C-alpha atoms as a PDB file:
ATOM      1  CA  UNK A   1       0.000   0.000   0.000  1.00  0.00           C
ATOM      2  CA  UNK A   2       2.838   2.337   0.937  1.00  0.00           C
ATOM      3  CA  UNK A   3       4.563   1.638  -2.388  1.00  0.00           C
ATOM      4  CA  UNK A   4       1.329   2.421  -4.207  1.00  0.00           C
ATOM      5  CA  UNK A   5       1.009   5.804  -2.438  1.00  0.00           C
ATOM      6  CA  UNK A   6       4.626   6.601  -3.279  1.00  0.00           C
ATOM      7  CA  UNK A   7       4.029   5.743  -6.924  1.00  0.00           C
ATOM      8  CA  UNK A   8       0.956   7.991  -7.072  1.00  0.00           C
ATOM      9  CA  UNK A   9       2.921  10.860  -5.502  1.00  0.00           C
ATOM     10  CA  UNK A  10       5.697  10.488  -8.079  1.00  0.00           C
ATOM     11  CA  UNK A  11       3.183  10.482 -10.945  1.00  0.00           C
ATOM     12  CA  UNK A  12       1.497  13.639  -9.611  1.00  0.00           C
ATOM     13  CA  UNK A  13       4.835  15.443  -9.227  1.00  0.00           C
ATOM     14  CA  UNK A  14       5.853  14.435 -12.737  1.00  0.00           C
ATOM     15  CA  UNK A  15       2.542  15.744 -14.078  1.00  0.00           C
ATOM     16  CA  UNK A  16       3.234  19.097 -12.444  1.00  0.00           C
ATOM     17  CA  UNK A  17       6.916  19.636 -13.086  1.00  0.00           C
ATOM     18  CA  UNK A  18       7.552  17.868 -16.396  1.00  0.00           C
ATOM     19  CA  UNK A  19       5.451  20.334 -18.509  1.00  0.00           C
ATOM     20  CA  UNK A  20       7.170  23.234 -16.735  1.00  0.00           C
ATOM     21  CA  UNK A  21      10.537  21.711 -17.529  1.00  0.00           C
ATOM     22  CA  UNK A  22       9.585  21.225 -21.189  1.00  0.00           C
ATOM     23  CA  UNK A  23       8.186  24.765 -21.412  1.00  0.00           C
ATOM     24  CA  UNK A  24      11.355  26.169 -19.883  1.00  0.00           C
ATOM     25  CA  UNK A  25      13.496  24.186 -22.285  1.00  0.00           C
ATOM     26  CA  UNK A  26      11.321  25.282 -25.255  1.00  0.00           C
ATOM     27  CA  UNK A  27      11.520  28.905 -24.196  1.00  0.00           C
ATOM     28  CA  UNK A  28      15.261  28.684 -23.826  1.00  0.00           C
ATOM     29  CA  UNK A  29      15.653  27.106 -27.281  1.00  0.00           C
ATOM     30  CA  UNK A  30      13.293  29.679 -28.848  1.00  0.00           C
ATOM     31  CA  UNK A  31      15.081  32.588 -27.244  1.00  0.00           C
ATOM     32  CA  UNK A  32      18.392  31.126 -28.299  1.00  0.00           C
ATOM     33  CA  UNK A  33      17.234  31.015 -31.918  1.00  0.00           C
ATOM     34  CA  UNK A  34      15.965  34.585 -31.998  1.00  0.00           C
ATOM     35  CA  UNK A  35      18.116  36.904 -34.062  1.00  0.00           C
ATOM     36  CA  UNK A  36      19.134  39.941 -32.113  1.00  0.00           C
ATOM     37  CA  UNK A  37      17.813  43.168 -33.634  1.00  0.00           C
ATOM     38  CA  UNK A  38      20.428  45.879 -33.853  1.00  0.00           C
ATOM     39  CA  UNK A  39      19.006  49.359 -34.332  1.00  0.00           C
ATOM     40  CA  UNK A  40      21.797  51.167 -36.178  1.00  0.00           C
ATOM     41  CA  UNK A  41      19.308  53.527 -37.853  1.00  0.00           C
ATOM     42  CA  UNK A  42      19.632  56.859 -35.995  1.00  0.00           C
ATOM     43  CA  UNK A  43      16.600  58.566 -37.582  1.00  0.00           C
ATOM     44  CA  UNK A  44      14.397  55.459 -37.775  1.00  0.00           C
ATOM     45  CA  UNK A  45      14.053  55.679 -41.537  1.00  0.00           C
ATOM     46  CA  UNK A  46      12.270  52.845 -43.323  1.00  0.00           C
ATOM     47  CA  UNK A  47      15.024  52.558 -45.923  1.00  0.00           C
ATOM     48  CA  UNK A  48      18.539  53.024 -44.606  1.00  0.00           C
ATOM     49  CA  UNK A  49      21.956  51.671 -45.526  1.00  0.00           C
ATOM     50  CA  UNK A  50      20.490  49.196 -48.064  1.00  0.00           C
ATOM     51  CA  UNK A  51      18.170  47.723 -45.456  1.00  0.00           C
ATOM     52  CA  UNK A  52      14.460  47.846 -44.615  1.00  0.00           C
ATOM     53  CA  UNK A  53      13.505  48.746 -41.037  1.00  0.00           C
ATOM     54  CA  UNK A  54       9.993  48.155 -39.716  1.00  0.00           C
ATOM     55  CA  UNK A  55       9.117  50.296 -36.688  1.00  0.00           C
ATOM     56  CA  UNK A  56       5.903  50.409 -34.650  1.00  0.00           C
ATOM     57  CA  UNK A  57       5.497  53.176 -32.064  1.00  0.00           C
ATOM     58  CA  UNK A  58       9.205  53.859 -32.500  1.00  0.00           C
ATOM     59  CA  UNK A  59      10.130  50.259 -31.609  1.00  0.00           C
ATOM     60  CA  UNK A  60      12.171  48.265 -34.122  1.00  0.00           C
ATOM     61  CA  UNK A  61      10.313  45.066 -35.018  1.00  0.00           C
ATOM     62  CA  UNK A  62      12.290  43.751 -37.968  1.00  0.00           C
ATOM     63  CA  UNK A  63      15.171  44.584 -40.272  1.00  0.00           C
ATOM     64  CA  UNK A  64      16.458  42.878 -43.410  1.00  0.00           C
ATOM     65  CA  UNK A  65      18.849  43.543 -46.289  1.00  0.00           C
ATOM     66  CA  UNK A  66      17.184  44.912 -49.414  1.00  0.00           C
ATOM     67  CA  UNK A  67      19.190  47.418 -51.457  1.00  0.00           C
ATOM     68  CA  UNK A  68      16.511  47.678 -54.177  1.00  0.00           C
ATOM     69  CA  UNK A  69      13.417  47.998 -51.942  1.00  0.00           C
ATOM     70  CA  UNK A  70      11.148  51.050 -52.143  1.00  0.00           C
ATOM     71  CA  UNK A  71       8.240  52.555 -50.218  1.00  0.00           C
ATOM     72  CA  UNK A  72       4.882  51.451 -51.650  1.00  0.00           C
ATOM     73  CA  UNK A  73       3.057  54.049 -53.743  1.00  0.00           C
ATOM     74  CA  UNK A  74      -0.711  53.644 -53.835  1.00  0.00           C
ATOM     75  CA  UNK A  75      -2.915  54.057 -56.897  1.00  0.00           C
ATOM     76  CA  UNK A  76      -6.416  55.297 -57.769  1.00  0.00           C
ATOM     77  CA  UNK A  77      -8.411  53.982 -60.722  1.00  0.00           C
ATOM     78  CA  UNK A  78     -11.826  55.260 -59.587  1.00  0.00           C
ATOM     79  CA  UNK A  79     -11.718  58.196 -62.002  1.00  0.00           C
ATOM     80  CA  UNK A  80     -12.573  55.701 -64.739  1.00  0.00           C
ATOM     81  CA  UNK A  81     -16.048  55.303 -63.226  1.00  0.00           C
ATOM     82  CA  UNK A  82     -18.774  57.461 -61.648  1.00  0.00           C
ATOM     83  CA  UNK A  83     -18.258  56.319 -58.047  1.00  0.00           C
ATOM     84  CA  UNK A  84     -18.323  59.091 -55.422  1.00  0.00           C
ATOM     85  CA  UNK A  85     -14.796  58.386 -54.182  1.00  0.00           C
ATOM     86  CA  UNK A  86     -12.520  60.435 -51.927  1.00  0.00           C
ATOM     87  CA  UNK A  87      -9.997  62.425 -53.952  1.00  0.00           C
ATOM     88  CA  UNK A  88      -8.055  64.420 -51.370  1.00  0.00           C
ATOM     89  CA  UNK A  89      -6.175  61.833 -49.319  1.00  0.00           C
ATOM     90  CA  UNK A  90      -2.608  62.770 -48.484  1.00  0.00           C
ATOM     91  CA  UNK A  91      -1.579  60.102 -45.953  1.00  0.00           C
ATOM     92  CA  UNK A  92       1.308  57.899 -46.995  1.00  0.00           C
ATOM     93  CA  UNK A  93       0.686  54.167 -46.555  1.00  0.00           C
ATOM     94  CA  UNK A  94       2.774  53.171 -43.535  1.00  0.00           C
ATOM     95  CA  UNK A  95       5.115  50.256 -44.342  1.00  0.00           C
ATOM     96  CA  UNK A  96       4.495  48.730 -40.880  1.00  0.00           C
ATOM     97  CA  UNK A  97       0.933  47.405 -41.068  1.00  0.00           C
ATOM     98  CA  UNK A  98       0.871  45.917 -37.548  1.00  0.00           C
ATOM     99  CA  UNK A  99       3.203  44.149 -35.120  1.00  0.00           C
ATOM    100  CA  UNK A 100       3.557  41.117 -37.403  1.00  0.00           C
ATOM    101  CA  UNK A 101       3.359  42.338 -40.990  1.00  0.00           C
ATOM    102  CA  UNK A 102       4.703  45.077 -43.224  1.00  0.00           C
ATOM    103  CA  UNK A 103       4.458  46.083 -46.862  1.00  0.00           C
ATOM    104  CA  UNK A 104       7.344  47.077 -49.091  1.00  0.00           C
ATOM    105  CA  UNK A 105       8.002  47.357 -52.832  1.00  0.00           C
ATOM    106  CA  UNK A 106      10.611  45.108 -54.433  1.00  0.00           C
ATOM    107  CA  UNK A 107      11.057  44.058 -58.059  1.00  0.00           C
ATOM    108  CA  UNK A 108       8.131  46.316 -59.043  1.00  0.00           C
ATOM    109  CA  UNK A 109       5.768  44.356 -56.774  1.00  0.00           C
ATOM    110  CA  UNK A 110       4.138  45.396 -53.507  1.00  0.00           C
ATOM    111  CA  UNK A 111       5.006  42.662 -51.032  1.00  0.00           C
ATOM    112  CA  UNK A 112       3.446  41.664 -47.720  1.00  0.00           C
ATOM    113  CA  UNK A 113       6.349  40.829 -45.394  1.00  0.00           C
ATOM    114  CA  UNK A 114       6.056  38.562 -42.362  1.00  0.00           C
ATOM    115  CA  UNK A 115       8.194  39.651 -39.452  1.00  0.00           C
ATOM    116  CA  UNK A 116       7.602  36.256 -37.816  1.00  0.00           C
ATOM    117  CA  UNK A 117       9.062  34.211 -40.673  1.00  0.00           C
ATOM    118  CA  UNK A 118      11.210  36.922 -42.302  1.00  0.00           C
ATOM    119  CA  UNK A 119       9.678  36.128 -45.682  1.00  0.00           C
ATOM    120  CA  UNK A 120       7.463  37.751 -48.296  1.00  0.00           C
ATOM    121  CA  UNK A 121       4.025  36.120 -48.109  1.00  0.00           C
ATOM    122  CA  UNK A 122       2.227  37.632 -51.100  1.00  0.00           C
ATOM    123  CA  UNK A 123       2.813  40.189 -53.841  1.00  0.00           C
ATOM    124  CA  UNK A 124       0.541  42.624 -55.693  1.00  0.00           C
ATOM    125  CA  UNK A 125       1.016  44.848 -58.720  1.00  0.00           C
ATOM    126  CA  UNK A 126      -1.131  47.687 -57.296  1.00  0.00           C
ATOM    127  CA  UNK A 127      -2.441  48.802 -53.904  1.00  0.00           C
ATOM    128  CA  UNK A 128      -5.267  51.272 -53.225  1.00  0.00           C
ATOM    129  CA  UNK A 129      -6.349  52.773 -49.883  1.00  0.00           C
ATOM    130  CA  UNK A 130      -7.413  56.383 -50.739  1.00  0.00           C
ATOM    131  CA  UNK A 131      -4.641  57.720 -48.443  1.00  0.00           C
ATOM    132  CA  UNK A 132      -7.014  58.486 -45.572  1.00  0.00           C
ATOM    133  CA  UNK A 133      -7.674  56.905 -42.172  1.00  0.00           C
ATOM    134  CA  UNK A 134     -10.078  53.954 -42.244  1.00  0.00           C
ATOM    135  CA  UNK A 135     -12.771  52.775 -39.850  1.00  0.00           C
ATOM    136  CA  UNK A 136     -11.124  49.359 -40.287  1.00  0.00           C
ATOM    137  CA  UNK A 137      -7.893  49.266 -42.230  1.00  0.00           C
ATOM    138  CA  UNK A 138      -8.132  47.612 -45.632  1.00  0.00           C
ATOM    139  CA  UNK A 139      -5.966  47.433 -48.726  1.00  0.00           C
ATOM    140  CA  UNK A 140      -7.553  46.981 -52.147  1.00  0.00           C
ATOM    141  CA  UNK A 141      -5.008  44.979 -54.147  1.00  0.00           C
ATOM    142  CA  UNK A 142      -4.552  44.071 -57.807  1.00  0.00           C
ATOM    143  CA  UNK A 143      -2.953  41.222 -59.684  1.00  0.00           C
ATOM    144  CA  UNK A 144      -3.357  40.472 -63.386  1.00  0.00           C
ATOM    145  CA  UNK A 145      -5.906  43.300 -63.773  1.00  0.00           C
ATOM    146  CA  UNK A 146      -8.166  41.762 -61.114  1.00  0.00           C
ATOM    147  CA  UNK A 147      -8.862  43.244 -57.681  1.00  0.00           C
ATOM    148  CA  UNK A 148      -9.410  41.854 -54.181  1.00  0.00           C
ATOM    149  CA  UNK A 149      -9.304  43.147 -50.622  1.00  0.00           C
ATOM    150  CA  UNK A 150      -6.950  42.613 -47.687  1.00  0.00           C
ATOM    151  CA  UNK A 151      -8.184  43.222 -44.152  1.00  0.00           C
ATOM    152  CA  UNK A 152      -5.538  44.501 -41.729  1.00  0.00           C
ATOM    153  CA  UNK A 153      -6.040  44.259 -37.965  1.00  0.00           C
ATOM    154  CA  UNK A 154      -3.689  44.404 -34.989  1.00  0.00           C
ATOM    155  CA  UNK A 155      -2.184  40.978 -35.626  1.00  0.00           C
ATOM    156  CA  UNK A 156      -3.028  39.713 -39.106  1.00  0.00           C
ATOM    157  CA  UNK A 157      -3.315  40.580 -42.784  1.00  0.00           C
ATOM    158  CA  UNK A 158      -5.997  38.458 -44.435  1.00  0.00           C
ATOM    159  CA  UNK A 159      -7.374  38.264 -47.966  1.00  0.00           C
ATOM    160  CA  UNK A 160     -11.093  38.747 -47.319  1.00  0.00           C
ATOM    161  CA  UNK A 161     -12.277  39.325 -50.885  1.00  0.00           C
ATOM    162  CA  UNK A 162     -10.628  37.135 -53.537  1.00  0.00           C
ATOM    163  CA  UNK A 163      -8.748  38.735 -56.408  1.00  0.00           C
ATOM    164  CA  UNK A 164     -11.401  38.180 -59.063  1.00  0.00           C
ATOM    165  CA  UNK A 165     -13.122  41.550 -59.598  1.00  0.00           C
ATOM    166  CA  UNK A 166     -12.628  44.008 -62.449  1.00  0.00           C
ATOM    167  CA  UNK A 167     -12.980  46.928 -60.025  1.00  0.00           C
ATOM    168  CA  UNK A 168     -13.370  47.520 -56.285  1.00  0.00           C
ATOM    169  CA  UNK A 169     -14.014  50.983 -54.872  1.00  0.00           C
ATOM    170  CA  UNK A 170     -15.162  52.531 -51.606  1.00  0.00           C
ATOM    171  CA  UNK A 171     -17.472  55.580 -51.723  1.00  0.00           C
ATOM    172  CA  UNK A 172     -16.418  58.684 -49.790  1.00  0.00           C
ATOM    173  CA  UNK A 173     -18.492  57.951 -46.692  1.00  0.00           C
ATOM    174  CA  UNK A 174     -16.671  60.085 -44.134  1.00  0.00           C
ATOM    175  CA  UNK A 175     -17.485  60.096 -40.436  1.00  0.00           C
ATOM    176  CA  UNK A 176     -15.366  62.626 -38.552  1.00  0.00           C
ATOM    177  CA  UNK A 177     -12.921  62.496 -41.487  1.00  0.00           C
ATOM    178  CA  UNK A 178     -12.568  58.692 -41.262  1.00  0.00           C
ATOM    179  CA  UNK A 179     -13.482  56.591 -44.309  1.00  0.00           C
ATOM    180  CA  UNK A 180     -16.101  53.934 -43.615  1.00  0.00           C
ATOM    181  CA  UNK A 181     -14.637  50.756 -45.122  1.00  0.00           C
ATOM    182  CA  UNK A 182     -17.340  48.280 -44.055  1.00  0.00           C
ATOM    183  CA  UNK A 183     -18.845  48.000 -47.566  1.00  0.00           C
ATOM    184  CA  UNK A 184     -17.676  48.625 -51.090  1.00  0.00           C
ATOM    185  CA  UNK A 185     -18.697  48.663 -54.742  1.00  0.00           C
ATOM    186  CA  UNK A 186     -17.361  46.000 -57.101  1.00  0.00           C
ATOM    187  CA  UNK A 187     -17.632  45.090 -60.766  1.00  0.00           C
ATOM    188  CA  UNK A 188     -17.315  41.575 -62.123  1.00  0.00           C
ATOM    189  CA  UNK A 189     -17.909  40.812 -65.775  1.00  0.00           C
ATOM    190  CA  UNK A 190     -21.057  42.799 -66.607  1.00  0.00           C
ATOM    191  CA  UNK A 191     -22.443  42.987 -63.074  1.00  0.00           C
ATOM    192  CA  UNK A 192     -22.096  45.667 -60.417  1.00  0.00           C
ATOM    193  CA  UNK A 193     -22.298  44.672 -56.782  1.00  0.00           C
ATOM    194  CA  UNK A 194     -22.289  45.983 -53.227  1.00  0.00           C
ATOM    195  CA  UNK A 195     -20.051  43.788 -51.057  1.00  0.00           C
ATOM    196  CA  UNK A 196     -19.130  43.627 -47.403  1.00  0.00           C
ATOM    197  CA  UNK A 197     -15.732  42.438 -46.193  1.00  0.00           C
ATOM    198  CA  UNK A 198     -16.877  38.809 -46.106  1.00  0.00           C
ATOM    199  CA  UNK A 199     -17.516  38.997 -49.883  1.00  0.00           C
ATOM    200  CA  UNK A 200     -21.285  38.847 -49.243  1.00  0.00           C
ATOM    201  CA  UNK A 201     -23.400  40.557 -51.907  1.00  0.00           C
ATOM    202  CA  UNK A 202     -26.327  42.789 -50.966  1.00  0.00           C
ATOM    203  CA  UNK A 203     -27.058  44.106 -54.476  1.00  0.00           C
ATOM    204  CA  UNK A 204     -26.391  42.913 -58.018  1.00  0.00           C
ATOM    205  CA  UNK A 205     -27.108  45.396 -60.824  1.00  0.00           C
ATOM    206  CA  UNK A 206     -26.555  45.549 -64.575  1.00  0.00           C
ATOM    207  CA  UNK A 207     -26.088  49.330 -64.239  1.00  0.00           C
ATOM    208  CA  UNK A 208     -23.031  50.934 -62.686  1.00  0.00           C
ATOM    209  CA  UNK A 209     -23.411  51.428 -58.910  1.00  0.00           C
ATOM    210  CA  UNK A 210     -21.921  54.719 -57.732  1.00  0.00           C
ATOM    211  CA  UNK A 211     -23.076  55.084 -54.100  1.00  0.00           C
ATOM    212  CA  UNK A 212     -25.291  53.550 -51.405  1.00  0.00           C
ATOM    213  CA  UNK A 213     -26.561  53.716 -47.835  1.00  0.00           C
ATOM    214  CA  UNK A 214     -28.706  51.369 -45.752  1.00  0.00           C
ATOM    215  CA  UNK A 215     -31.921  52.337 -47.564  1.00  0.00           C
ATOM    216  CA  UNK A 216     -30.966  53.242 -51.133  1.00  0.00           C
ATOM    217  CA  UNK A 217     -28.316  52.686 -53.746  1.00  0.00           C
ATOM    218  CA  UNK A 218     -27.493  54.902 -56.724  1.00  0.00           C
ATOM    219  CA  UNK A 219     -26.882  53.662 -60.260  1.00  0.00           C
ATOM    220  CA  UNK A 220     -25.748  55.417 -63.408  1.00  0.00           C
ATOM    221  CA  UNK A 221     -26.222  54.652 -67.094  1.00  0.00           C
ATOM    222  CA  UNK A 222     -26.654  57.940 -68.941  1.00  0.00           C
ATOM    223  CA  UNK A 223     -28.437  59.384 -65.905  1.00  0.00           C
ATOM    224  CA  UNK A 224     -28.615  58.777 -62.167  1.00  0.00           C
ATOM    225  CA  UNK A 225     -31.214  56.462 -60.618  1.00  0.00           C
ATOM    226  CA  UNK A 226     -32.145  56.194 -56.937  1.00  0.00           C
ATOM    227  CA  UNK A 227     -33.158  52.628 -56.090  1.00  0.00           C
ATOM    228  CA  UNK A 228     -34.283  50.878 -52.917  1.00  0.00           C
ATOM    229  CA  UNK A 229     -33.191  47.340 -52.139  1.00  0.00           C
ATOM    230  CA  UNK A 230     -36.426  45.945 -53.544  1.00  0.00           C
ATOM    231  CA  UNK A 231     -35.627  47.447 -56.957  1.00  0.00           C
ATOM    232  CA  UNK A 232     -38.085  50.378 -56.712  1.00  0.00           C
ATOM    233  CA  UNK A 233     -36.892  53.652 -58.299  1.00  0.00           C
ATOM    234  CA  UNK A 234     -37.501  57.054 -56.667  1.00  0.00           C
ATOM    235  CA  UNK A 235     -37.467  60.696 -57.801  1.00  0.00           C
ATOM    236  CA  UNK A 236     -37.424  59.603 -61.408  1.00  0.00           C
ATOM    237  CA  UNK A 237     -38.850  62.898 -62.679  1.00  0.00           C
ATOM    238  CA  UNK A 238     -36.284  65.035 -60.805  1.00  0.00           C
ATOM    239  CA  UNK A 239     -33.289  66.119 -62.865  1.00  0.00           C
ATOM    240  CA  UNK A 240     -30.182  64.803 -61.121  1.00  0.00           C
ATOM    241  CA  UNK A 241     -26.790  66.187 -62.091  1.00  0.00           C
ATOM    242  CA  UNK A 242     -25.134  64.305 -59.217  1.00  0.00           C
ATOM    243  CA  UNK A 243     -26.433  62.047 -56.430  1.00  0.00           C
ATOM    244  CA  UNK A 244     -24.723  61.197 -53.123  1.00  0.00           C
ATOM    245  CA  UNK A 245     -25.575  58.989 -50.160  1.00  0.00           C
ATOM    246  CA  UNK A 246     -24.592  60.721 -46.906  1.00  0.00           C
ATOM    247  CA  UNK A 247     -25.440  58.819 -43.746  1.00  0.00           C
ATOM    248  CA  UNK A 248     -29.181  58.109 -43.877  1.00  0.00           C
ATOM    249  CA  UNK A 249     -29.748  60.855 -46.445  1.00  0.00           C
ATOM    250  CA  UNK A 250     -29.770  61.149 -50.219  1.00  0.00           C
ATOM    251  CA  UNK A 251     -28.308  64.381 -51.617  1.00  0.00           C
ATOM    252  CA  UNK A 252     -29.312  65.446 -55.135  1.00  0.00           C
ATOM    253  CA  UNK A 253     -27.579  68.260 -57.044  1.00  0.00           C
ATOM    254  CA  UNK A 254     -29.680  70.139 -59.593  1.00  0.00           C
ATOM    255  CA  UNK A 255     -28.882  73.588 -61.023  1.00  0.00           C
ATOM    256  CA  UNK A 256     -26.513  74.656 -58.224  1.00  0.00           C
ATOM    257  CA  UNK A 257     -28.952  73.522 -55.536  1.00  0.00           C
ATOM    258  CA  UNK A 258     -28.441  70.634 -53.145  1.00  0.00           C
ATOM    259  CA  UNK A 259     -31.701  68.859 -52.307  1.00  0.00           C
ATOM    260  CA  UNK A 260     -31.637  66.679 -49.210  1.00  0.00           C
ATOM    261  CA  UNK A 261     -33.976  63.711 -48.769  1.00  0.00           C
ATOM    262  CA  UNK A 262     -34.249  61.088 -46.059  1.00  0.00           C
ATOM    263  CA  UNK A 263     -37.314  59.247 -47.296  1.00  0.00           C
ATOM    264  CA  UNK A 264     -37.342  59.604 -51.060  1.00  0.00           C
ATOM    265  CA  UNK A 265     -41.104  59.068 -51.101  1.00  0.00           C
ATOM    266  CA  UNK A 266     -41.564  62.295 -49.145  1.00  0.00           C
ATOM    267  CA  UNK A 267     -40.810  65.967 -49.699  1.00  0.00           C
ATOM    268  CA  UNK A 268     -37.326  67.422 -49.636  1.00  0.00           C
ATOM    269  CA  UNK A 269     -36.043  68.074 -46.104  1.00  0.00           C
ATOM    270  CA  UNK A 270     -33.664  70.883 -46.890  1.00  0.00           C
ATOM    271  CA  UNK A 271     -32.258  72.844 -49.830  1.00  0.00           C
ATOM    272  CA  UNK A 272     -28.760  74.345 -49.863  1.00  0.00           C
ATOM    273  CA  UNK A 273     -27.446  76.737 -52.519  1.00  0.00           C
ATOM    274  CA  UNK A 274     -24.017  75.669 -53.756  1.00  0.00           C
ATOM    275  CA  UNK A 275     -21.079  77.598 -55.140  1.00  0.00           C
ATOM    276  CA  UNK A 276     -19.455  76.466 -58.368  1.00  0.00           C
ATOM    277  CA  UNK A 277     -17.599  73.198 -57.831  1.00  0.00           C
ATOM    278  CA  UNK A 278     -15.586  70.504 -59.533  1.00  0.00           C
ATOM    279  CA  UNK A 279     -15.944  68.034 -56.672  1.00  0.00           C
ATOM    280  CA  UNK A 280     -18.290  67.644 -53.704  1.00  0.00           C
ATOM    281  CA  UNK A 281     -17.474  65.659 -50.555  1.00  0.00           C
ATOM    282  CA  UNK A 282     -19.455  65.314 -47.335  1.00  0.00           C
ATOM    283  CA  UNK A 283     -18.200  64.633 -43.825  1.00  0.00           C
ATOM    284  CA  UNK A 284     -20.629  63.595 -41.078  1.00  0.00           C
ATOM    285  CA  UNK A 285     -19.481  65.105 -37.775  1.00  0.00           C
ATOM    286  CA  UNK A 286     -20.869  65.566 -34.265  1.00  0.00           C
ATOM    287  CA  UNK A 287     -21.695  69.197 -35.147  1.00  0.00           C
ATOM    288  CA  UNK A 288     -23.467  68.469 -38.433  1.00  0.00           C
ATOM    289  CA  UNK A 289     -22.678  67.516 -42.010  1.00  0.00           C
ATOM    290  CA  UNK A 290     -19.774  69.355 -43.580  1.00  0.00           C
ATOM    291  CA  UNK A 291     -20.054  70.224 -47.260  1.00  0.00           C
ATOM    292  CA  UNK A 292     -16.606  70.324 -48.844  1.00  0.00           C
ATOM    293  CA  UNK A 293     -16.174  71.940 -52.231  1.00  0.00           C
ATOM    294  CA  UNK A 294     -12.989  70.914 -54.019  1.00  0.00           C
ATOM    295  CA  UNK A 295     -11.660  69.598 -50.704  1.00  0.00           C
ATOM    296  CA  UNK A 296     -12.323  72.802 -48.729  1.00  0.00           C
ATOM    297  CA  UNK A 297     -15.026  73.368 -46.130  1.00  0.00           C
ATOM    298  CA  UNK A 298     -17.917  75.312 -47.658  1.00  0.00           C
ATOM    299  CA  UNK A 299     -20.660  74.993 -45.047  1.00  0.00           C
ATOM    300  CA  UNK A 300     -21.752  72.845 -42.102  1.00  0.00           C
ATOM    301  CA  UNK A 301     -25.456  72.031 -42.091  1.00  0.00           C
ATOM    302  CA  UNK A 302     -27.802  70.582 -39.499  1.00  0.00           C
ATOM    303  CA  UNK A 303     -30.744  68.512 -40.640  1.00  0.00           C
END
């Protein structure tokens, strides 16, 4: 009996201390294999001395030799369509995407770099992000003239929308100067779609989709059409030079006047006289909706 108790005690102690011993050994081996990062870059430049340095919050995360690497330059192809896209972004795409991944240009390709494996994971010919802060960071990427979407969070970079679309664009839905990236417009073959970041379709149209909100979407052929999600058209008799979806509202431009609707079956809520413009953008803020003409604040309205 005594021998049996002793045996049980030994088994229990082994169960407790053996995993700790293995963990300690694993940690020691892992730490021993880690390459020491030497920060010899006095100004924390991304490209320095024929190397690439990835910093996050001024902390060096990774460095590797790459004499021919370049900073990624983003692109815009939305001007080829009628989408209400944001034209005034001036933020440079940061090479450090998060604590695990970066993006850098090499051999004329834009490469996602893993700091965990010290390898390039994927490469893209073009990258689009509108050079503005996002509600959730995304990168619209192109290969072989087809577009998809990468989602970037604190730890990962994941291809959420496969690279199979002829076009992907995000309308200029600004909330406190942050671009809402939860949904986007896409074109595939002869169909236009509204997608979310899981590649789920909410609308399929044979006409070009240029804008949307939760209640309506806007199409364009030779004129603008305001549609609900049941396919019913609204304000068909109203001349529409431009149409925008701003929050829950639909904004229609006609002869230098901005007509604001919430329910397109009802009367106009508000009319605003506009100055001459080449481009209109709207920014929903806590103080009201800012009207920006050619990128400059024209008026803030309350509805």
